[in-house]
Amino acid sequence: MCIERGRPWEAEYWTSGVRDQALALACLRLGREARHARGADTLPADVTAPCADALVRALDRAEMLRALGQAIEALRREAAAMGERRAQVEAALGELQSAAWAAVAATPPASGS
């Protein structure tokens, strides 16, 4: 996990990617343009608020873990609205989240975090 390897910019990149996918799913679900987030600014506030919570506000370990957790939760919320593919997406996200948090618990923070 980038956070545990002391690679904050790479971690921010991947956290943003998770958040971007949540926005893309929301756009698709609500009939907005999903490509390149073109419809993201037309999404309702109750849809975008969880994604705003997933913004990385600082490059320290605790903040990056917080933002990653929020990004995963935003993506899980959108996955829950996907109908028949929900179970498949939920299982994959659950595995990702479990593996990420297990790695965090097993790895001491990188120096300087």
N, C-alpha and C. Protein backbone atom coordinates (compact mmCIF):
# COMPACT_ATOMS: atom_id res chain seq x y z
N MET A 1 0.85 -1.17 0.00
CA MET A 1 0.00 0.00 0.00
C MET A 1 0.90 1.24 0.00
N CYS A 2 0.63 2.15 -0.88
CA CYS A 2 1.46 3.34 -1.06
C CYS A 2 1.61 4.14 0.24
N ILE A 3 0.55 4.23 0.99
CA ILE A 3 0.59 5.01 2.23
C ILE A 3 1.63 4.43 3.16
N GLU A 4 1.63 3.12 3.30
CA GLU A 4 2.56 2.46 4.22
C GLU A 4 3.98 2.43 3.69
N ARG A 5 4.16 2.60 2.42
CA ARG A 5 5.51 2.66 1.85
C ARG A 5 6.07 4.07 1.85
N GLY A 6 5.32 5.02 2.42
CA GLY A 6 5.79 6.39 2.46
C GLY A 6 5.80 7.07 1.10
N ARG A 7 4.82 6.74 0.26
CA ARG A 7 4.71 7.31 -1.09
C ARG A 7 3.42 8.12 -1.17
N PRO A 8 3.41 9.30 -0.55
CA PRO A 8 2.16 10.05 -0.41
C PRO A 8 1.54 10.50 -1.73
N TRP A 9 2.32 10.87 -2.70
CA TRP A 9 1.74 11.34 -3.96
C TRP A 9 1.12 10.19 -4.74
N GLU A 10 1.75 9.04 -4.70
CA GLU A 10 1.17 7.87 -5.34
C GLU A 10 -0.13 7.46 -4.63
N ALA A 11 -0.12 7.53 -3.31
CA ALA A 11 -1.32 7.21 -2.53
C ALA A 11 -2.45 8.19 -2.86
N GLU A 12 -2.12 9.46 -2.99
CA GLU A 12 -3.14 10.46 -3.33
C GLU A 12 -3.70 10.17 -4.72
N TYR A 13 -2.84 9.80 -5.64
CA TYR A 13 -3.26 9.47 -7.00
C TYR A 13 -4.28 8.35 -7.00
N TRP A 14 -4.00 7.27 -6.28
CA TRP A 14 -4.91 6.12 -6.24
C TRP A 14 -6.19 6.44 -5.48
N THR A 15 -6.10 7.21 -4.42
CA THR A 15 -7.31 7.61 -3.68
C THR A 15 -8.21 8.44 -4.58
N SER A 16 -7.62 9.35 -5.32
CA SER A 16 -8.40 10.16 -6.27
C SER A 16 -9.06 9.28 -7.32
N GLY A 17 -8.35 8.25 -7.76
CA GLY A 17 -8.91 7.34 -8.74
C GLY A 17 -10.14 6.59 -8.23
N VAL A 18 -10.10 6.18 -6.98
CA VAL A 18 -11.26 5.51 -6.38
C VAL A 18 -12.43 6.49 -6.33
N ARG A 19 -12.15 7.71 -5.89
CA ARG A 19 -13.20 8.74 -5.83
C ARG A 19 -13.75 9.04 -7.23
N ASP A 20 -12.88 9.11 -8.21
CA ASP A 20 -13.32 9.37 -9.59
C ASP A 20 -14.25 8.27 -10.09
N GLN A 21 -13.96 7.03 -9.74
CA GLN A 21 -14.83 5.93 -10.15
C GLN A 21 -16.21 6.04 -9.49
N ALA A 22 -16.24 6.47 -8.23
CA ALA A 22 -17.53 6.68 -7.56
C ALA A 22 -18.33 7.74 -8.29
N LEU A 23 -17.69 8.82 -8.68
CA LEU A 23 -18.38 9.88 -9.43
C LEU A 23 -18.85 9.37 -10.79
N ALA A 24 -18.03 8.58 -11.45
CA ALA A 24 -18.41 8.04 -12.75
C ALA A 24 -19.63 7.12 -12.63
N LEU A 25 -19.65 6.27 -11.61
CA LEU A 25 -20.81 5.39 -11.40
C LEU A 25 -22.06 6.21 -11.12
N ALA A 26 -21.91 7.26 -10.32
CA ALA A 26 -23.06 8.13 -10.03
C ALA A 26 -23.57 8.79 -11.30
N CYS A 27 -22.66 9.24 -12.14
CA CYS A 27 -23.07 9.85 -13.41
C CYS A 27 -23.83 8.85 -14.27
N LEU A 28 -23.32 7.64 -14.37
CA LEU A 28 -24.00 6.62 -15.16
C LEU A 28 -25.38 6.31 -14.59
N ARG A 29 -25.43 6.18 -13.28
CA ARG A 29 -26.69 5.84 -12.62
C ARG A 29 -27.76 6.91 -12.84
N LEU A 30 -27.34 8.17 -12.85
CA LEU A 30 -28.28 9.27 -12.97
C LEU A 30 -28.40 9.83 -14.39
N GLY A 31 -27.82 9.12 -15.35
CA GLY A 31 -27.97 9.52 -16.75
C GLY A 31 -27.16 10.74 -17.14
N ARG A 32 -26.07 10.99 -16.44
CA ARG A 32 -25.19 12.11 -16.78
C ARG A 32 -24.00 11.59 -17.58
N GLU A 33 -23.29 12.49 -18.21
CA GLU A 33 -22.08 12.14 -18.97
C GLU A 33 -20.99 11.71 -17.98
N ALA A 34 -20.54 10.46 -18.08
CA ALA A 34 -19.56 9.93 -17.13
C ALA A 34 -18.12 10.13 -17.61
N ARG A 35 -17.92 10.18 -18.89
CA ARG A 35 -16.56 10.27 -19.45
C ARG A 35 -15.87 11.56 -19.00
N HIS A 36 -14.70 11.41 -18.45
CA HIS A 36 -13.89 12.54 -17.98
C HIS A 36 -14.64 13.43 -16.98
N ALA A 37 -15.56 12.83 -16.24
CA ALA A 37 -16.33 13.54 -15.20
C ALA A 37 -17.13 14.72 -15.74
N ARG A 38 -17.51 14.66 -16.97
CA ARG A 38 -18.24 15.78 -17.57
C ARG A 38 -19.58 16.05 -16.89
N GLY A 39 -20.21 15.01 -16.33
CA GLY A 39 -21.49 15.21 -15.68
C GLY A 39 -21.40 15.38 -14.17
N ALA A 40 -20.20 15.33 -13.61
CA ALA A 40 -20.04 15.37 -12.16
C ALA A 40 -20.59 16.66 -11.54
N ASP A 41 -20.43 17.77 -12.20
CA ASP A 41 -20.90 19.04 -11.64
C ASP A 41 -22.42 19.18 -11.68
N THR A 42 -23.10 18.27 -12.35
CA THR A 42 -24.56 18.31 -12.39
C THR A 42 -25.19 17.33 -11.40
N LEU A 43 -24.35 16.60 -10.68
CA LEU A 43 -24.87 15.63 -9.71
C LEU A 43 -25.43 16.35 -8.48
N PRO A 44 -26.45 15.78 -7.86
CA PRO A 44 -27.00 16.39 -6.65
C PRO A 44 -25.99 16.40 -5.50
N ALA A 45 -26.15 17.35 -4.60
CA ALA A 45 -25.22 17.50 -3.47
C ALA A 45 -25.16 16.25 -2.60
N ASP A 46 -26.27 15.54 -2.44
CA ASP A 46 -26.23 14.34 -1.59
C ASP A 46 -25.40 13.23 -2.22
N VAL A 47 -25.16 13.32 -3.51
CA VAL A 47 -24.31 12.34 -4.20
C VAL A 47 -22.84 12.77 -4.14
N THR A 48 -22.59 14.06 -4.30
CA THR A 48 -21.20 14.53 -4.33
C THR A 48 -20.58 14.73 -2.95
N ALA A 49 -21.40 14.92 -1.92
CA ALA A 49 -20.85 15.17 -0.57
C ALA A 49 -19.92 14.06 -0.11
N PRO A 50 -20.27 12.77 -0.27
CA PRO A 50 -19.33 11.72 0.14
C PRO A 50 -18.02 11.77 -0.64
N CYS A 51 -18.07 12.21 -1.88
CA CYS A 51 -16.84 12.33 -2.67
C CYS A 51 -16.01 13.51 -2.20
N ALA A 52 -16.66 14.58 -1.78
CA ALA A 52 -15.92 15.71 -1.22
C ALA A 52 -15.20 15.30 0.06
N ASP A 53 -15.84 14.43 0.83
CA ASP A 53 -15.20 13.93 2.05
C ASP A 53 -13.99 13.07 1.75
N ALA A 54 -13.88 12.57 0.51
CA ALA A 54 -12.77 11.72 0.12
C ALA A 54 -11.59 12.48 -0.46
N LEU A 55 -11.65 13.81 -0.45
CA LEU A 55 -10.50 14.59 -0.92
C LEU A 55 -9.36 14.49 0.10
N VAL A 56 -8.15 14.29 -0.40
CA VAL A 56 -6.97 14.25 0.46
C VAL A 56 -6.61 15.69 0.80
N ARG A 57 -6.61 16.02 2.08
CA ARG A 57 -6.38 17.40 2.52
C ARG A 57 -4.95 17.66 2.97
N ALA A 58 -4.20 16.59 3.20
CA ALA A 58 -2.80 16.70 3.61
C ALA A 58 -2.13 15.37 3.28
N LEU A 59 -0.83 15.38 3.18
CA LEU A 59 -0.11 14.17 2.78
C LEU A 59 0.45 13.38 3.97
N ASP A 60 -0.17 13.55 5.15
CA ASP A 60 0.27 12.73 6.27
C ASP A 60 -0.52 11.43 6.28
N ARG A 61 0.04 10.42 6.93
CA ARG A 61 -0.51 9.07 6.94
C ARG A 61 -1.97 9.03 7.40
N ALA A 62 -2.27 9.64 8.52
CA ALA A 62 -3.62 9.59 9.06
C ALA A 62 -4.63 10.20 8.10
N GLU A 63 -4.30 11.31 7.50
CA GLU A 63 -5.22 11.97 6.58
C GLU A 63 -5.40 11.15 5.31
N MET A 64 -4.33 10.57 4.82
CA MET A 64 -4.46 9.76 3.61
C MET A 64 -5.30 8.51 3.87
N LEU A 65 -5.14 7.90 5.04
CA LEU A 65 -5.97 6.75 5.39
C LEU A 65 -7.44 7.15 5.53
N ARG A 66 -7.68 8.32 6.11
CA ARG A 66 -9.05 8.82 6.25
C ARG A 66 -9.68 9.02 4.89
N ALA A 67 -8.96 9.69 4.00
CA ALA A 67 -9.49 9.97 2.66
C ALA A 67 -9.72 8.68 1.87
N LEU A 68 -8.80 7.74 1.97
CA LEU A 68 -8.97 6.47 1.27
C LEU A 68 -10.21 5.74 1.77
N GLY A 69 -10.40 5.73 3.08
CA GLY A 69 -11.60 5.10 3.64
C GLY A 69 -12.87 5.75 3.12
N GLN A 70 -12.89 7.07 3.05
CA GLN A 70 -14.06 7.78 2.54
C GLN A 70 -14.28 7.51 1.05
N ALA A 71 -13.18 7.42 0.29
CA ALA A 71 -13.30 7.14 -1.14
C ALA A 71 -13.89 5.74 -1.36
N ILE A 72 -13.42 4.77 -0.59
CA ILE A 72 -13.95 3.41 -0.71
C ILE A 72 -15.42 3.39 -0.33
N GLU A 73 -15.78 4.10 0.73
CA GLU A 73 -17.19 4.14 1.13
C GLU A 73 -18.07 4.80 0.06
N ALA A 74 -17.56 5.86 -0.57
CA ALA A 74 -18.32 6.52 -1.65
C ALA A 74 -18.53 5.55 -2.81
N LEU A 75 -17.49 4.80 -3.14
CA LEU A 75 -17.60 3.83 -4.22
C LEU A 75 -18.56 2.70 -3.84
N ARG A 76 -18.51 2.27 -2.60
CA ARG A 76 -19.43 1.23 -2.14
C ARG A 76 -20.88 1.71 -2.20
N ARG A 77 -21.12 2.96 -1.85
CA ARG A 77 -22.48 3.50 -1.93
C ARG A 77 -23.00 3.46 -3.37
N GLU A 78 -22.14 3.86 -4.28
CA GLU A 78 -22.56 3.83 -5.69
C GLU A 78 -22.72 2.40 -6.18
N ALA A 79 -21.86 1.51 -5.75
CA ALA A 79 -21.97 0.10 -6.13
C ALA A 79 -23.29 -0.47 -5.64
N ALA A 80 -23.73 -0.03 -4.47
CA ALA A 80 -24.99 -0.53 -3.91
C ALA A 80 -26.18 -0.17 -4.77
N ALA A 81 -26.04 0.87 -5.57
CA ALA A 81 -27.15 1.31 -6.43
C ALA A 81 -27.07 0.69 -7.83
N MET A 82 -26.17 -0.25 -8.03
CA MET A 82 -25.93 -0.80 -9.37
C MET A 82 -26.82 -1.97 -9.76
N GLY A 83 -27.69 -2.40 -8.90
CA GLY A 83 -28.58 -3.50 -9.26
C GLY A 83 -27.88 -4.84 -9.29
N GLU A 84 -28.02 -5.55 -10.39
CA GLU A 84 -27.54 -6.93 -10.48
C GLU A 84 -26.03 -7.09 -10.33
N ARG A 85 -25.26 -6.09 -10.64
CA ARG A 85 -23.79 -6.19 -10.51
C ARG A 85 -23.32 -5.78 -9.13
N ARG A 86 -24.24 -5.39 -8.27
CA ARG A 86 -23.89 -4.90 -6.94
C ARG A 86 -23.07 -5.91 -6.15
N ALA A 87 -23.50 -7.15 -6.09
CA ALA A 87 -22.81 -8.15 -5.27
C ALA A 87 -21.36 -8.33 -5.72
N GLN A 88 -21.14 -8.35 -7.01
CA GLN A 88 -19.79 -8.52 -7.54
C GLN A 88 -18.89 -7.34 -7.15
N VAL A 89 -19.40 -6.13 -7.32
CA VAL A 89 -18.63 -4.93 -6.99
C VAL A 89 -18.41 -4.85 -5.48
N GLU A 90 -19.44 -5.12 -4.69
CA GLU A 90 -19.33 -5.07 -3.23
C GLU A 90 -18.28 -6.05 -2.73
N ALA A 91 -18.26 -7.26 -3.27
CA ALA A 91 -17.29 -8.26 -2.84
C ALA A 91 -15.86 -7.80 -3.13
N ALA A 92 -15.66 -7.27 -4.32
CA ALA A 92 -14.32 -6.79 -4.69
C ALA A 92 -13.89 -5.63 -3.81
N LEU A 93 -14.80 -4.70 -3.53
CA LEU A 93 -14.46 -3.56 -2.68
C LEU A 93 -14.21 -4.00 -1.23
N GLY A 94 -14.99 -4.96 -0.76
CA GLY A 94 -14.79 -5.48 0.59
C GLY A 94 -13.42 -6.11 0.74
N GLU A 95 -13.00 -6.87 -0.26
CA GLU A 95 -11.67 -7.48 -0.24
C GLU A 95 -10.59 -6.42 -0.25
N LEU A 96 -10.75 -5.40 -1.07
CA LEU A 96 -9.79 -4.31 -1.14
C LEU A 96 -9.67 -3.61 0.21
N GLN A 97 -10.81 -3.29 0.79
CA GLN A 97 -10.80 -2.58 2.07
C GLN A 97 -10.19 -3.44 3.16
N SER A 98 -10.54 -4.72 3.23
CA SER A 98 -10.00 -5.61 4.25
C SER A 98 -8.49 -5.75 4.10
N ALA A 99 -8.03 -5.93 2.88
CA ALA A 99 -6.60 -6.07 2.64
C ALA A 99 -5.85 -4.79 3.00
N ALA A 100 -6.45 -3.66 2.65
CA ALA A 100 -5.80 -2.37 2.95
C ALA A 100 -5.66 -2.17 4.44
N TRP A 101 -6.73 -2.41 5.18
CA TRP A 101 -6.68 -2.18 6.62
C TRP A 101 -5.82 -3.22 7.32
N ALA A 102 -5.77 -4.44 6.81
CA ALA A 102 -4.90 -5.45 7.39
C ALA A 102 -3.44 -5.05 7.19
N ALA A 103 -3.12 -4.51 6.02
CA ALA A 103 -1.76 -4.05 5.76
C ALA A 103 -1.38 -2.90 6.68
N VAL A 104 -2.33 -2.01 6.92
CA VAL A 104 -2.09 -0.88 7.82
C VAL A 104 -1.80 -1.39 9.23
N ALA A 105 -2.59 -2.33 9.69
CA ALA A 105 -2.43 -2.83 11.05
C ALA A 105 -1.11 -3.58 11.22
N ALA A 106 -0.63 -4.23 10.16
CA ALA A 106 0.57 -5.03 10.24
C ALA A 106 1.86 -4.27 9.97
N THR A 107 1.77 -3.07 9.46
CA THR A 107 2.94 -2.31 9.05
C THR A 107 3.13 -1.07 9.90
N PRO A 108 4.31 -0.90 10.49
CA PRO A 108 4.54 0.35 11.22
C PRO A 108 4.61 1.52 10.26
N PRO A 109 4.26 2.71 10.72
CA PRO A 109 4.31 3.88 9.83
C PRO A 109 5.72 4.11 9.31
N ALA A 110 5.80 4.59 8.07
CA ALA A 110 7.09 4.96 7.50
C ALA A 110 7.64 6.15 8.28
N SER A 111 8.93 6.23 8.37
CA SER A 111 9.51 7.36 9.09
C SER A 111 9.15 8.65 8.42
N GLY A 112 8.81 9.66 9.23
CA GLY A 112 8.42 10.97 8.71
C GLY A 112 6.95 11.11 8.46
N SER A 113 6.14 10.06 8.74
CA SER A 113 4.69 10.13 8.51
C SER A 113 4.00 10.66 9.72
